[in-house]
Amino acid sequence: MISLSSAEKIAKSAGAKRVSESYKKKLKELLEKHGKELSKKAIKFASYRGRMTVRSEDLENALR
């Protein structure tokens, strides 16, 4: 889902000069885990509103 290079880009955009493989793997794992949990919550908001399509507003509500 999320590539190791994407995890590295995220870390570098936050200011890291160098990023270890173990850091990239852990960041990837955490982002995928939390992203899946957020998506499940957002899907519940969409379903509650009678929609099959998940929208950005559902994600915003899931973050609250």
Protein backbone atom coordinates (compact mmCIF):
# COMPACT_ATOMS: atom_id res chain seq x y z
CA MET A 1 0.00 0.00 0.00
CA ILE A 2 2.54 2.61 1.11
CA SER A 3 5.98 2.17 -0.38
CA LEU A 4 9.18 2.41 1.62
CA SER A 5 10.28 5.28 -0.60
CA SER A 6 7.08 7.17 0.28
CA ALA A 7 7.78 6.62 3.97
CA GLU A 8 11.28 7.97 3.43
CA LYS A 9 9.93 11.04 1.61
CA ILE A 10 7.58 11.74 4.52
CA ALA A 11 10.42 11.54 7.02
CA LYS A 12 12.67 13.74 4.89
CA SER A 13 9.91 16.31 4.36
CA ALA A 14 9.68 16.50 8.16
CA GLY A 15 13.39 17.34 8.30
CA ALA A 16 15.26 14.03 8.54
CA LYS A 17 18.63 14.06 6.79
CA ARG A 18 18.95 10.26 6.68
CA VAL A 19 16.37 7.53 7.28
CA SER A 20 17.15 3.95 8.31
CA GLU A 21 15.44 0.94 6.74
CA SER A 22 13.94 -0.03 10.09
CA TYR A 23 12.44 3.46 10.46
CA LYS A 24 10.93 3.32 6.97
CA LYS A 25 9.43 -0.10 7.66
CA LYS A 26 7.97 0.99 11.01
CA LEU A 27 6.55 4.23 9.61
CA LYS A 28 5.00 2.31 6.71
CA GLU A 29 3.45 -0.20 9.12
CA LEU A 30 2.02 2.52 11.41
CA LEU A 31 0.64 4.63 8.56
CA GLU A 32 -1.08 1.63 7.03
CA LYS A 33 -2.52 0.54 10.38
CA HIS A 34 -3.83 3.96 11.35
CA GLY A 35 -4.98 4.71 7.81
CA LYS A 36 -7.05 1.54 7.78
CA GLU A 37 -8.60 2.39 11.16
CA LEU A 38 -9.45 5.92 9.99
CA SER A 39 -10.93 4.57 6.78
CA LYS A 40 -13.19 2.19 8.70
CA LYS A 41 -14.47 5.10 10.80
CA ALA A 42 -15.00 7.26 7.70
CA ILE A 43 -16.92 4.45 6.00
CA LYS A 44 -19.25 4.31 9.01
CA PHE A 45 -19.98 8.03 8.64
CA ALA A 46 -20.74 7.61 4.93
CA SER A 47 -22.93 4.58 5.60
CA TYR A 48 -24.83 6.43 8.32
CA ARG A 49 -25.63 9.14 5.77
CA GLY A 50 -26.84 6.52 3.29
CA ARG A 51 -23.89 6.88 0.92
CA MET A 52 -21.68 4.21 -0.58
CA THR A 53 -19.06 6.79 -1.55
CA VAL A 54 -16.66 7.90 1.17
CA ARG A 55 -15.91 11.63 1.04
CA SER A 56 -13.25 13.84 2.55
CA GLU A 57 -15.81 15.17 5.03
CA ASP A 58 -16.25 11.61 6.35
CA LEU A 59 -12.52 11.42 6.96
CA GLU A 60 -12.60 14.77 8.74
CA ASN A 61 -15.41 13.52 10.96
CA ALA A 62 -13.48 10.32 11.67
CA LEU A 63 -10.54 12.38 12.90
CA ARG A 64 -12.66 14.13 15.54
